[in-house]
């Protein structure tokens, strides 16, 4: 099939980005509704394969909130969230692990391999990939911060980057389920956005791409005129305190802040429902989402 002029122009626009990103690590946090539609799921995974074929080193960190909620409901347990994070008792942590590791991770690995990739599934217990400790949620109320114990929800103490880099060097795509292991071997459920930010920072990734269900960050969602193309740390904290950024979007913004603070070069929050949004963000001059930066 012959390429048309527009397709050639698109490739030429992508050329400098392909050159700049060669051999660079790109972390993709995959979640939201992009995981629920089979057709869209395959398109996202094709984008990830394209990154590898183009000479990059993609790492996938996936969520699984809807599947966890479904399995918890089947077990007769109600989901409760504080600050965008799921309250998790010991039984819920085991159910979340089954959903993330036993179902979602194996499905994504199988799909990537069926598309011609070499994907390897990992979770936080593999070679102590994600060492974790209990996380106390900080809840903003009336301008004050209160710490709340939400159970077996963890924060990352350490990332085993040797394991990830070993796989990347061998031409594999690591697909990571966000479960962590505590000092006593206990399982911690780690928010996938948080895990992705920690991993991107530890790897000094060139990019962290956080897929979500909206275009990006708004100062007054859903008013399109309030869309923010570039968000600084200072502005992010301001919008969180005001309540303009709330719920599940808080961990996504903090993920970007953590990645940049850890050494990642750039971070982006993009709409995973839009076809090929990963490629559009990486290989076009304008991009399609919100770029989170330390300062302008």
C-alpha atoms as a PDB file:
ATOM      1  CA  UNK A   1       0.000   0.000   0.000  1.00  0.00           C
ATOM      2  CA  UNK A   2       1.419   3.378  -1.013  1.00  0.00           C
ATOM      3  CA  UNK A   3       1.781   6.113   1.594  1.00  0.00           C
ATOM      4  CA  UNK A   4       0.055   9.435   0.976  1.00  0.00           C
ATOM      5  CA  UNK A   5       1.618  12.866   1.432  1.00  0.00           C
ATOM      6  CA  UNK A   6       0.085  13.387   4.885  1.00  0.00           C
ATOM      7  CA  UNK A   7       1.486  10.082   6.148  1.00  0.00           C
ATOM      8  CA  UNK A   8       4.952  10.970   4.819  1.00  0.00           C
ATOM      9  CA  UNK A   9       4.737  14.392   6.486  1.00  0.00           C
ATOM     10  CA  UNK A  10       3.782  12.730   9.781  1.00  0.00           C
ATOM     11  CA  UNK A  11       6.802  10.451   9.577  1.00  0.00           C
ATOM     12  CA  UNK A  12       9.104  13.376   8.819  1.00  0.00           C
ATOM     13  CA  UNK A  13       7.751  15.300  11.819  1.00  0.00           C
ATOM     14  CA  UNK A  14       8.441  12.255  14.002  1.00  0.00           C
ATOM     15  CA  UNK A  15      12.024  11.824  12.756  1.00  0.00           C
ATOM     16  CA  UNK A  16      13.810  14.115  15.264  1.00  0.00           C
ATOM     17  CA  UNK A  17      11.878  12.537  18.135  1.00  0.00           C
ATOM     18  CA  UNK A  18      12.784   9.040  16.961  1.00  0.00           C
ATOM     19  CA  UNK A  19      16.421  10.107  16.943  1.00  0.00           C
ATOM     20  CA  UNK A  20      16.258  11.765  20.381  1.00  0.00           C
ATOM     21  CA  UNK A  21      14.458   8.884  22.070  1.00  0.00           C
ATOM     22  CA  UNK A  22      16.578   6.053  20.683  1.00  0.00           C
ATOM     23  CA  UNK A  23      17.813   3.772  23.516  1.00  0.00           C
ATOM     24  CA  UNK A  24      15.847   5.835  26.061  1.00  0.00           C
ATOM     25  CA  UNK A  25      13.563   4.306  28.699  1.00  0.00           C
ATOM     26  CA  UNK A  26       9.873   5.179  28.379  1.00  0.00           C
ATOM     27  CA  UNK A  27       7.567   4.222  31.263  1.00  0.00           C
ATOM     28  CA  UNK A  28       3.880   3.852  30.382  1.00  0.00           C
ATOM     29  CA  UNK A  29       1.325   3.726  33.181  1.00  0.00           C
ATOM     30  CA  UNK A  30      -1.552   1.834  31.599  1.00  0.00           C
ATOM     31  CA  UNK A  31      -4.996   1.972  33.182  1.00  0.00           C
ATOM     32  CA  UNK A  32      -8.495   3.400  33.040  1.00  0.00           C
ATOM     33  CA  UNK A  33     -11.045   2.665  30.346  1.00  0.00           C
ATOM     34  CA  UNK A  34      -8.267   1.979  27.837  1.00  0.00           C
ATOM     35  CA  UNK A  35      -8.001  -1.404  29.569  1.00  0.00           C
ATOM     36  CA  UNK A  36     -11.706  -2.255  29.282  1.00  0.00           C
ATOM     37  CA  UNK A  37     -12.210  -2.152  25.509  1.00  0.00           C
ATOM     38  CA  UNK A  38     -10.491  -5.003  23.660  1.00  0.00           C
ATOM     39  CA  UNK A  39     -10.010  -3.060  20.426  1.00  0.00           C
ATOM     40  CA  UNK A  40      -8.547  -0.042  22.215  1.00  0.00           C
ATOM     41  CA  UNK A  41      -6.441  -2.307  24.435  1.00  0.00           C
ATOM     42  CA  UNK A  42      -4.740  -3.819  21.404  1.00  0.00           C
ATOM     43  CA  UNK A  43      -4.102  -0.368  19.910  1.00  0.00           C
ATOM     44  CA  UNK A  44      -2.391   0.774  23.120  1.00  0.00           C
ATOM     45  CA  UNK A  45      -0.254  -2.364  23.153  1.00  0.00           C
ATOM     46  CA  UNK A  46       0.622  -1.837  19.467  1.00  0.00           C
ATOM     47  CA  UNK A  47       1.823   1.673  20.372  1.00  0.00           C
ATOM     48  CA  UNK A  48       4.025   0.186  23.094  1.00  0.00           C
ATOM     49  CA  UNK A  49       5.460  -2.344  20.642  1.00  0.00           C
ATOM     50  CA  UNK A  50       6.106   0.480  18.186  1.00  0.00           C
ATOM     51  CA  UNK A  51       8.252   2.209  20.807  1.00  0.00           C
ATOM     52  CA  UNK A  52      10.434  -0.880  21.084  1.00  0.00           C
ATOM     53  CA  UNK A  53      10.630  -1.371  17.317  1.00  0.00           C
ATOM     54  CA  UNK A  54      11.702   2.288  17.061  1.00  0.00           C
ATOM     55  CA  UNK A  55      14.665   1.640  19.378  1.00  0.00           C
ATOM     56  CA  UNK A  56      13.227   2.710  22.726  1.00  0.00           C
ATOM     57  CA  UNK A  57      13.041   0.730  25.988  1.00  0.00           C
ATOM     58  CA  UNK A  58       9.382   0.639  27.074  1.00  0.00           C
ATOM     59  CA  UNK A  59       8.319  -0.392  30.579  1.00  0.00           C
ATOM     60  CA  UNK A  60       4.619  -0.944  31.324  1.00  0.00           C
ATOM     61  CA  UNK A  61       3.113  -0.425  34.768  1.00  0.00           C
ATOM     62  CA  UNK A  62      -0.561  -1.329  34.790  1.00  0.00           C
ATOM     63  CA  UNK A  63      -3.508  -0.682  37.042  1.00  0.00           C
ATOM     64  CA  UNK A  64      -6.681  -2.681  37.362  1.00  0.00           C
ATOM     65  CA  UNK A  65      -9.149  -0.761  39.491  1.00  0.00           C
ATOM     66  CA  UNK A  66     -12.332  -1.929  37.742  1.00  0.00           C
ATOM     67  CA  UNK A  67     -11.274  -5.594  37.886  1.00  0.00           C
ATOM     68  CA  UNK A  68     -10.310  -5.277  41.566  1.00  0.00           C
ATOM     69  CA  UNK A  69     -13.679  -3.656  42.297  1.00  0.00           C
ATOM     70  CA  UNK A  70     -15.468  -6.452  40.422  1.00  0.00           C
ATOM     71  CA  UNK A  71     -13.691  -9.195  42.332  1.00  0.00           C
ATOM     72  CA  UNK A  72     -14.206  -7.421  45.659  1.00  0.00           C
ATOM     73  CA  UNK A  73     -17.912  -7.099  44.879  1.00  0.00           C
ATOM     74  CA  UNK A  74     -18.100 -10.812  44.081  1.00  0.00           C
ATOM     75  CA  UNK A  75     -16.532 -11.471  47.488  1.00  0.00           C
ATOM     76  CA  UNK A  76     -19.151  -9.266  49.143  1.00  0.00           C
ATOM     77  CA  UNK A  77     -16.725  -6.453  49.961  1.00  0.00           C
ATOM     78  CA  UNK A  78     -17.481  -2.807  49.310  1.00  0.00           C
ATOM     79  CA  UNK A  79     -14.815  -0.512  47.840  1.00  0.00           C
ATOM     80  CA  UNK A  80     -14.038   2.688  49.729  1.00  0.00           C
ATOM     81  CA  UNK A  81     -11.585   5.370  48.625  1.00  0.00           C
ATOM     82  CA  UNK A  82      -9.669   8.031  50.554  1.00  0.00           C
ATOM     83  CA  UNK A  83      -7.708  10.627  48.612  1.00  0.00           C
ATOM     84  CA  UNK A  84      -8.135   8.580  45.427  1.00  0.00           C
ATOM     85  CA  UNK A  85      -6.660   5.433  47.067  1.00  0.00           C
ATOM     86  CA  UNK A  86      -8.562   2.235  47.855  1.00  0.00           C
ATOM     87  CA  UNK A  87      -8.952   1.326  51.526  1.00  0.00           C
ATOM     88  CA  UNK A  88      -7.471  -2.186  51.724  1.00  0.00           C
ATOM     89  CA  UNK A  89      -7.717  -4.743  54.520  1.00  0.00           C
ATOM     90  CA  UNK A  90      -5.742  -8.027  54.432  1.00  0.00           C
ATOM     91  CA  UNK A  91      -8.456  -9.901  52.508  1.00  0.00           C
ATOM     92  CA  UNK A  92      -8.827  -7.068  50.006  1.00  0.00           C
ATOM     93  CA  UNK A  93      -5.051  -7.004  49.482  1.00  0.00           C
ATOM     94  CA  UNK A  94      -5.124 -10.715  48.579  1.00  0.00           C
ATOM     95  CA  UNK A  95      -8.032 -10.172  46.184  1.00  0.00           C
ATOM     96  CA  UNK A  96      -6.270  -7.200  44.581  1.00  0.00           C
ATOM     97  CA  UNK A  97      -3.153  -9.329  44.108  1.00  0.00           C
ATOM     98  CA  UNK A  98      -5.184 -12.042  42.374  1.00  0.00           C
ATOM     99  CA  UNK A  99      -6.791  -9.481  40.070  1.00  0.00           C
ATOM    100  CA  UNK A 100      -3.589  -7.622  39.221  1.00  0.00           C
ATOM    101  CA  UNK A 101      -1.110 -10.489  38.996  1.00  0.00           C
ATOM    102  CA  UNK A 102      -3.260 -13.491  38.192  1.00  0.00           C
ATOM    103  CA  UNK A 103      -5.563 -11.950  35.600  1.00  0.00           C
ATOM    104  CA  UNK A 104      -4.598  -8.520  34.271  1.00  0.00           C
ATOM    105  CA  UNK A 105      -0.824  -8.972  34.137  1.00  0.00           C
ATOM    106  CA  UNK A 106      -0.991 -12.346  32.399  1.00  0.00           C
ATOM    107  CA  UNK A 107      -3.562 -11.005  29.923  1.00  0.00           C
ATOM    108  CA  UNK A 108      -1.403  -8.015  28.932  1.00  0.00           C
ATOM    109  CA  UNK A 109       1.732 -10.156  28.635  1.00  0.00           C
ATOM    110  CA  UNK A 110      -0.122 -12.666  26.466  1.00  0.00           C
ATOM    111  CA  UNK A 111      -1.505  -9.951  24.204  1.00  0.00           C
ATOM    112  CA  UNK A 112       1.878  -8.277  23.739  1.00  0.00           C
ATOM    113  CA  UNK A 113       3.502 -11.599  22.898  1.00  0.00           C
ATOM    114  CA  UNK A 114       0.693 -12.492  20.476  1.00  0.00           C
ATOM    115  CA  UNK A 115       1.345  -9.172  18.698  1.00  0.00           C
ATOM    116  CA  UNK A 116       4.991 -10.146  18.216  1.00  0.00           C
ATOM    117  CA  UNK A 117       6.587  -8.705  21.339  1.00  0.00           C
ATOM    118  CA  UNK A 118       8.719 -10.260  24.065  1.00  0.00           C
ATOM    119  CA  UNK A 119       6.927  -9.293  27.256  1.00  0.00           C
ATOM    120  CA  UNK A 120       7.673 -10.549  30.764  1.00  0.00           C
ATOM    121  CA  UNK A 121       5.195 -10.211  33.629  1.00  0.00           C
ATOM    122  CA  UNK A 122       6.464  -9.002  36.997  1.00  0.00           C
ATOM    123  CA  UNK A 123       5.063  -8.055  40.379  1.00  0.00           C
ATOM    124  CA  UNK A 124       6.603  -6.428  43.419  1.00  0.00           C
ATOM    125  CA  UNK A 125       7.614  -9.731  44.996  1.00  0.00           C
ATOM    126  CA  UNK A 126       9.762 -10.818  42.039  1.00  0.00           C
ATOM    127  CA  UNK A 127      13.360 -10.366  43.250  1.00  0.00           C
ATOM    128  CA  UNK A 128      11.982  -7.736  45.658  1.00  0.00           C
ATOM    129  CA  UNK A 129      11.139  -5.561  42.679  1.00  0.00           C
ATOM    130  CA  UNK A 130       9.068  -3.145  44.763  1.00  0.00           C
ATOM    131  CA  UNK A 131       9.956  -2.996  48.459  1.00  0.00           C
ATOM    132  CA  UNK A 132       7.118  -1.284  50.264  1.00  0.00           C
ATOM    133  CA  UNK A 133       5.962   0.155  53.578  1.00  0.00           C
ATOM    134  CA  UNK A 134       2.564   1.250  54.899  1.00  0.00           C
ATOM    135  CA  UNK A 135       1.252   4.459  53.359  1.00  0.00           C
ATOM    136  CA  UNK A 136      -0.788   6.956  55.357  1.00  0.00           C
ATOM    137  CA  UNK A 137      -3.124   8.897  53.080  1.00  0.00           C
ATOM    138  CA  UNK A 138      -3.003  12.655  53.423  1.00  0.00           C
ATOM    139  CA  UNK A 139      -6.473  14.112  53.204  1.00  0.00           C
ATOM    140  CA  UNK A 140      -6.935  17.835  52.560  1.00  0.00           C
ATOM    141  CA  UNK A 141      -9.767  19.426  54.534  1.00  0.00           C
ATOM    142  CA  UNK A 142     -10.244  23.166  54.960  1.00  0.00           C
ATOM    143  CA  UNK A 143      -6.638  23.797  53.958  1.00  0.00           C
ATOM    144  CA  UNK A 144      -5.275  21.319  56.502  1.00  0.00           C
ATOM    145  CA  UNK A 145      -3.665  17.913  55.978  1.00  0.00           C
ATOM    146  CA  UNK A 146      -4.787  14.878  57.997  1.00  0.00           C
ATOM    147  CA  UNK A 147      -3.051  11.476  57.830  1.00  0.00           C
ATOM    148  CA  UNK A 148      -5.361   8.457  57.532  1.00  0.00           C
ATOM    149  CA  UNK A 149      -4.477   4.741  57.849  1.00  0.00           C
ATOM    150  CA  UNK A 150      -6.088   2.961  54.875  1.00  0.00           C
ATOM    151  CA  UNK A 151      -4.787  -0.544  55.570  1.00  0.00           C
ATOM    152  CA  UNK A 152      -2.479  -2.582  53.355  1.00  0.00           C
ATOM    153  CA  UNK A 153      -1.794   0.267  50.952  1.00  0.00           C
ATOM    154  CA  UNK A 154       1.896   0.772  50.431  1.00  0.00           C
ATOM    155  CA  UNK A 155       4.389   3.351  49.334  1.00  0.00           C
ATOM    156  CA  UNK A 156       7.570   2.321  47.535  1.00  0.00           C
ATOM    157  CA  UNK A 157      10.772   2.234  49.584  1.00  0.00           C
ATOM    158  CA  UNK A 158      13.026   0.819  46.867  1.00  0.00           C
ATOM    159  CA  UNK A 159      12.872  -0.280  43.219  1.00  0.00           C
ATOM    160  CA  UNK A 160      15.051  -3.135  41.969  1.00  0.00           C
ATOM    161  CA  UNK A 161      16.200  -1.385  38.811  1.00  0.00           C
ATOM    162  CA  UNK A 162      18.820  -4.090  38.140  1.00  0.00           C
ATOM    163  CA  UNK A 163      16.068  -6.585  37.317  1.00  0.00           C
ATOM    164  CA  UNK A 164      14.221  -4.159  35.043  1.00  0.00           C
ATOM    165  CA  UNK A 165      17.374  -3.065  33.214  1.00  0.00           C
ATOM    166  CA  UNK A 166      18.474  -6.679  32.790  1.00  0.00           C
ATOM    167  CA  UNK A 167      15.217  -7.425  30.972  1.00  0.00           C
ATOM    168  CA  UNK A 168      15.410  -4.235  28.907  1.00  0.00           C
ATOM    169  CA  UNK A 169      18.985  -5.033  27.890  1.00  0.00           C
ATOM    170  CA  UNK A 170      17.783  -8.449  26.735  1.00  0.00           C
ATOM    171  CA  UNK A 171      15.128  -6.950  24.473  1.00  0.00           C
ATOM    172  CA  UNK A 172      12.173  -7.728  26.740  1.00  0.00           C
ATOM    173  CA  UNK A 173       9.265  -5.486  27.721  1.00  0.00           C
ATOM    174  CA  UNK A 174       8.722  -5.588  31.511  1.00  0.00           C
ATOM    175  CA  UNK A 175       5.008  -5.517  32.406  1.00  0.00           C
ATOM    176  CA  UNK A 176       4.696  -4.687  36.099  1.00  0.00           C
ATOM    177  CA  UNK A 177       1.741  -5.265  38.434  1.00  0.00           C
ATOM    178  CA  UNK A 178       1.793  -2.684  41.266  1.00  0.00           C
ATOM    179  CA  UNK A 179       1.987  -4.957  44.289  1.00  0.00           C
ATOM    180  CA  UNK A 180       4.736  -4.438  46.838  1.00  0.00           C
ATOM    181  CA  UNK A 181       6.399  -6.588  49.477  1.00  0.00           C
ATOM    182  CA  UNK A 182       6.951  -5.461  53.071  1.00  0.00           C
ATOM    183  CA  UNK A 183       9.815  -6.269  55.400  1.00  0.00           C
ATOM    184  CA  UNK A 184       7.896  -9.262  56.787  1.00  0.00           C
ATOM    185  CA  UNK A 185       6.858 -10.526  53.360  1.00  0.00           C
ATOM    186  CA  UNK A 186       3.397  -8.978  53.574  1.00  0.00           C
ATOM    187  CA  UNK A 187       1.629  -7.845  50.415  1.00  0.00           C
ATOM    188  CA  UNK A 188       0.908  -4.162  49.895  1.00  0.00           C
ATOM    189  CA  UNK A 189      -1.455  -2.817  47.271  1.00  0.00           C
ATOM    190  CA  UNK A 190       0.344   0.119  45.640  1.00  0.00           C
ATOM    191  CA  UNK A 191      -1.568   2.615  43.549  1.00  0.00           C
ATOM    192  CA  UNK A 192      -0.451   2.027  39.946  1.00  0.00           C
ATOM    193  CA  UNK A 193       0.135   5.732  39.307  1.00  0.00           C
ATOM    194  CA  UNK A 194       2.337   5.953  42.395  1.00  0.00           C
ATOM    195  CA  UNK A 195       4.256   2.803  41.409  1.00  0.00           C
ATOM    196  CA  UNK A 196       4.808   4.115  37.877  1.00  0.00           C
ATOM    197  CA  UNK A 197       6.184   7.413  39.194  1.00  0.00           C
ATOM    198  CA  UNK A 198       8.596   5.649  41.532  1.00  0.00           C
ATOM    199  CA  UNK A 199       9.761   3.282  38.798  1.00  0.00           C
ATOM    200  CA  UNK A 200      10.198   6.082  36.240  1.00  0.00           C
ATOM    201  CA  UNK A 201      12.222   8.113  38.734  1.00  0.00           C
ATOM    202  CA  UNK A 202      14.414   5.172  39.762  1.00  0.00           C
ATOM    203  CA  UNK A 203      15.113   4.314  36.111  1.00  0.00           C
ATOM    204  CA  UNK A 204      15.851   7.977  35.256  1.00  0.00           C
ATOM    205  CA  UNK A 205      13.368   7.483  32.432  1.00  0.00           C
ATOM    206  CA  UNK A 206      13.241   9.847  29.499  1.00  0.00           C
ATOM    207  CA  UNK A 207       9.451   9.944  29.737  1.00  0.00           C
ATOM    208  CA  UNK A 208       6.615   8.877  31.984  1.00  0.00           C
ATOM    209  CA  UNK A 209       3.272   8.678  30.191  1.00  0.00           C
ATOM    210  CA  UNK A 210       0.250   8.351  32.496  1.00  0.00           C
ATOM    211  CA  UNK A 211      -2.863   7.170  30.655  1.00  0.00           C
ATOM    212  CA  UNK A 212      -6.183   8.310  32.088  1.00  0.00           C
ATOM    213  CA  UNK A 213      -9.812   8.869  31.043  1.00  0.00           C
ATOM    214  CA  UNK A 214      -9.681  12.590  30.330  1.00  0.00           C
ATOM    215  CA  UNK A 215      -7.610  14.803  28.055  1.00  0.00           C
ATOM    216  CA  UNK A 216      -5.339  15.889  30.897  1.00  0.00           C
ATOM    217  CA  UNK A 217      -5.505  18.383  33.763  1.00  0.00           C
ATOM    218  CA  UNK A 218      -8.133  21.129  34.034  1.00  0.00           C
ATOM    219  CA  UNK A 219      -8.283  23.991  36.523  1.00  0.00           C
ATOM    220  CA  UNK A 220     -12.108  23.811  36.369  1.00  0.00           C
ATOM    221  CA  UNK A 221     -13.062  20.413  34.935  1.00  0.00           C
ATOM    222  CA  UNK A 222     -14.930  19.810  32.611  1.00  0.00           C
ATOM    223  CA  UNK A 223     -14.637  23.334  31.190  1.00  0.00           C
ATOM    224  CA  UNK A 224     -12.485  22.827  28.077  1.00  0.00           C
ATOM    225  CA  UNK A 225     -11.212  26.398  28.256  1.00  0.00           C
ATOM    226  CA  UNK A 226      -9.569  25.545  31.591  1.00  0.00           C
ATOM    227  CA  UNK A 227      -7.378  22.796  30.096  1.00  0.00           C
ATOM    228  CA  UNK A 228      -3.745  23.085  31.226  1.00  0.00           C
ATOM    229  CA  UNK A 229      -1.109  22.055  28.687  1.00  0.00           C
ATOM    230  CA  UNK A 230       1.835  22.573  31.082  1.00  0.00           C
ATOM    231  CA  UNK A 231       1.530  22.168  34.856  1.00  0.00           C
ATOM    232  CA  UNK A 232       4.246  23.117  37.371  1.00  0.00           C
ATOM    233  CA  UNK A 233       4.801  21.588  40.819  1.00  0.00           C
ATOM    234  CA  UNK A 234       3.678  24.828  42.452  1.00  0.00           C
ATOM    235  CA  UNK A 235       0.465  25.037  40.414  1.00  0.00           C
ATOM    236  CA  UNK A 236      -0.257  21.338  41.012  1.00  0.00           C
ATOM    237  CA  UNK A 237      -0.087  21.744  44.801  1.00  0.00           C
ATOM    238  CA  UNK A 238      -2.257  24.851  44.565  1.00  0.00           C
ATOM    239  CA  UNK A 239      -4.964  23.030  42.560  1.00  0.00           C
ATOM    240  CA  UNK A 240      -4.916  20.039  44.937  1.00  0.00           C
ATOM    241  CA  UNK A 241      -5.386  22.315  47.968  1.00  0.00           C
ATOM    242  CA  UNK A 242      -8.228  24.133  46.187  1.00  0.00           C
ATOM    243  CA  UNK A 243      -9.889  20.832  45.296  1.00  0.00           C
ATOM    244  CA  UNK A 244      -9.625  21.465  41.545  1.00  0.00           C
ATOM    245  CA  UNK A 245      -7.509  18.306  41.310  1.00  0.00           C
ATOM    246  CA  UNK A 246      -9.186  15.606  43.381  1.00  0.00           C
ATOM    247  CA  UNK A 247     -10.011  11.911  43.600  1.00  0.00           C
ATOM    248  CA  UNK A 248      -8.087   9.593  41.316  1.00  0.00           C
ATOM    249  CA  UNK A 249      -6.343  12.474  39.575  1.00  0.00           C
ATOM    250  CA  UNK A 250      -4.324  13.296  42.711  1.00  0.00           C
ATOM    251  CA  UNK A 251      -2.153  10.122  42.519  1.00  0.00           C
ATOM    252  CA  UNK A 252      -1.558  10.772  38.814  1.00  0.00           C
ATOM    253  CA  UNK A 253      -0.219  14.276  39.425  1.00  0.00           C
ATOM    254  CA  UNK A 254       1.842  13.070  42.376  1.00  0.00           C
ATOM    255  CA  UNK A 255       3.171  10.260  40.199  1.00  0.00           C
ATOM    256  CA  UNK A 256       4.571  12.835  37.797  1.00  0.00           C
ATOM    257  CA  UNK A 257       6.043  14.888  40.651  1.00  0.00           C
ATOM    258  CA  UNK A 258       7.694  11.789  42.147  1.00  0.00           C
ATOM    259  CA  UNK A 259       9.103  10.720  38.767  1.00  0.00           C
ATOM    260  CA  UNK A 260      10.629  14.133  38.078  1.00  0.00           C
ATOM    261  CA  UNK A 261      11.996  14.414  41.612  1.00  0.00           C
ATOM    262  CA  UNK A 262      13.587  10.975  41.215  1.00  0.00           C
ATOM    263  CA  UNK A 263      15.337  11.801  37.965  1.00  0.00           C
ATOM    264  CA  UNK A 264      12.888  11.241  35.108  1.00  0.00           C
ATOM    265  CA  UNK A 265      13.235  13.827  32.342  1.00  0.00           C
ATOM    266  CA  UNK A 266       9.595  14.580  31.439  1.00  0.00           C
ATOM    267  CA  UNK A 267       6.116  13.442  32.444  1.00  0.00           C
ATOM    268  CA  UNK A 268       2.774  13.579  30.679  1.00  0.00           C
ATOM    269  CA  UNK A 269      -0.854  12.862  31.572  1.00  0.00           C
ATOM    270  CA  UNK A 270      -2.793  11.848  28.449  1.00  0.00           C
ATOM    271  CA  UNK A 271      -6.152  10.426  27.405  1.00  0.00           C
ATOM    272  CA  UNK A 272      -5.698   6.675  26.999  1.00  0.00           C
ATOM    273  CA  UNK A 273      -9.096   6.391  25.298  1.00  0.00           C
ATOM    274  CA  UNK A 274      -7.875   8.354  22.271  1.00  0.00           C
ATOM    275  CA  UNK A 275      -6.384   6.091  19.612  1.00  0.00           C
ATOM    276  CA  UNK A 276      -2.580   6.204  19.450  1.00  0.00           C
ATOM    277  CA  UNK A 277      -2.376   8.938  22.096  1.00  0.00           C
ATOM    278  CA  UNK A 278       1.019   7.556  23.167  1.00  0.00           C
ATOM    279  CA  UNK A 279       2.479   8.092  19.706  1.00  0.00           C
ATOM    280  CA  UNK A 280       0.781  11.470  19.299  1.00  0.00           C
ATOM    281  CA  UNK A 281       2.285  12.703  22.566  1.00  0.00           C
ATOM    282  CA  UNK A 282       5.792  11.446  21.833  1.00  0.00           C
ATOM    283  CA  UNK A 283       6.145  12.130  18.141  1.00  0.00           C
ATOM    284  CA  UNK A 284       4.284  15.366  17.441  1.00  0.00           C
ATOM    285  CA  UNK A 285       5.249  18.972  18.038  1.00  0.00           C
ATOM    286  CA  UNK A 286       2.109  19.920  19.988  1.00  0.00           C
ATOM    287  CA  UNK A 287       1.417  16.747  21.975  1.00  0.00           C
ATOM    288  CA  UNK A 288      -2.069  15.854  23.207  1.00  0.00           C
ATOM    289  CA  UNK A 289      -2.064  15.976  27.022  1.00  0.00           C
ATOM    290  CA  UNK A 290      -0.784  17.849  30.058  1.00  0.00           C
ATOM    291  CA  UNK A 291       2.969  17.990  30.609  1.00  0.00           C
ATOM    292  CA  UNK A 292       3.936  18.158  34.290  1.00  0.00           C
ATOM    293  CA  UNK A 293       7.241  19.944  34.923  1.00  0.00           C
ATOM    294  CA  UNK A 294       9.215  21.167  37.941  1.00  0.00           C
ATOM    295  CA  UNK A 295       9.115  24.753  36.771  1.00  0.00           C
ATOM    296  CA  UNK A 296       8.798  26.754  33.579  1.00  0.00           C
END
